[in-house]
Amino acid sequence: MSDEEAARLQVRPLPGARELLAFLSRAGVPWAIATSGRLESARPVLALLELAPAVPVITRDRWNMPSPTPTCSSRRSGSWA
């Protein structure tokens, strides 16, 4: 197993993340997932979150800045004005 694969196995969603995202959805609050990582490395954690297909996910692959800011990411995803 490579170091990268081992690191991926150790990445987990923050405690309460699923509950928070469910609450935001029920409350009608728009939200998105943004990471400075690549989609390939983010996939395992995203799968653990059990996101709906319509949830905007912004990764380094989709954005030319190494660390997306919430404002830039939300505009890119179309979630907010």
Protein backbone atom coordinates (compact mmCIF):
# COMPACT_ATOMS: atom_id res chain seq x y z
CA MET A 1 0.00 0.00 0.00
CA SER A 2 1.36 3.41 -0.96
CA ASP A 3 1.61 6.32 1.50
CA GLU A 4 -1.14 8.11 -0.42
CA GLU A 5 -3.49 5.12 -0.15
CA ALA A 6 -2.76 4.79 3.56
CA ALA A 7 -3.48 8.48 4.11
CA ARG A 8 -6.80 8.19 2.24
CA LEU A 9 -7.89 5.36 4.52
CA GLN A 10 -7.34 7.59 7.57
CA VAL A 11 -9.43 10.52 6.29
CA ARG A 12 -12.88 10.69 7.86
CA PRO A 13 -15.67 13.29 7.91
CA LEU A 14 -15.66 15.52 10.97
CA PRO A 15 -17.93 14.35 13.78
CA GLY A 16 -21.43 15.69 13.21
CA ALA A 17 -20.82 16.59 9.54
CA ARG A 18 -23.65 14.43 8.18
CA GLU A 19 -26.07 15.73 10.79
CA LEU A 20 -25.12 19.34 10.08
CA LEU A 21 -25.55 18.93 6.33
CA ALA A 22 -28.92 17.22 6.83
CA PHE A 23 -30.03 20.08 9.12
CA LEU A 24 -28.95 22.70 6.58
CA SER A 25 -30.84 20.88 3.83
CA ARG A 26 -34.02 20.61 5.92
CA ALA A 27 -33.75 24.31 6.77
CA GLY A 28 -33.41 25.23 3.09
CA VAL A 29 -29.90 26.65 3.54
CA PRO A 30 -27.83 26.30 0.36
CA TRP A 31 -24.47 24.64 0.88
CA ALA A 32 -21.66 23.06 -1.08
CA ILE A 33 -18.53 21.03 -0.43
CA ALA A 34 -15.22 22.72 -1.23
CA THR A 35 -11.78 21.20 -0.85
CA SER A 36 -8.29 22.10 -1.94
CA GLY A 37 -7.77 18.43 -2.76
CA ARG A 38 -8.46 16.62 -5.99
CA LEU A 39 -11.74 14.82 -6.62
CA GLU A 40 -9.99 11.45 -6.71
CA SER A 41 -8.63 11.86 -3.20
CA ALA A 42 -11.88 13.41 -1.89
CA ARG A 43 -14.16 10.64 -3.22
CA PRO A 44 -13.78 8.25 -0.25
CA VAL A 45 -14.85 10.91 2.27
CA LEU A 46 -17.61 12.20 0.01
CA ALA A 47 -18.96 8.65 -0.20
CA LEU A 48 -19.02 8.46 3.61
CA LEU A 49 -21.12 11.65 3.70
CA GLU A 50 -23.71 10.01 1.41
CA LEU A 51 -24.27 13.24 -0.53
CA ALA A 52 -27.13 13.66 -2.97
CA PRO A 53 -25.97 13.83 -6.60
CA ALA A 54 -27.12 17.46 -6.84
CA VAL A 55 -24.75 18.69 -4.10
CA PRO A 56 -22.13 21.02 -5.60
CA VAL A 57 -18.60 19.72 -5.00
CA ILE A 58 -15.72 22.06 -5.82
CA THR A 59 -12.25 20.53 -5.95
CA ARG A 60 -8.85 21.59 -7.18
CA ASP A 61 -9.72 19.84 -10.45
CA ARG A 62 -12.56 22.33 -11.07
CA TRP A 63 -10.94 25.50 -9.75
CA ASN A 64 -7.70 27.21 -10.68
CA MET A 65 -6.95 28.37 -7.12
CA PRO A 66 -5.30 25.86 -4.75
CA SER A 67 -7.61 26.68 -1.83
CA PRO A 68 -11.12 27.73 -2.81
CA THR A 69 -12.72 30.44 -0.72
CA PRO A 70 -16.42 30.10 0.16
CA THR A 71 -17.30 33.14 -1.97
CA CYS A 72 -15.44 31.93 -5.04
CA SER A 73 -16.61 28.36 -4.59
CA SER A 74 -20.25 29.28 -4.15
CA ARG A 75 -20.21 31.46 -7.25
CA ARG A 76 -18.60 28.68 -9.24
CA SER A 77 -21.18 26.15 -8.07
CA GLY A 78 -24.11 28.45 -8.73
CA SER A 79 -25.40 27.96 -5.19
CA TRP A 80 -25.47 31.63 -4.26
CA ALA A 81 -25.73 34.92 -6.09
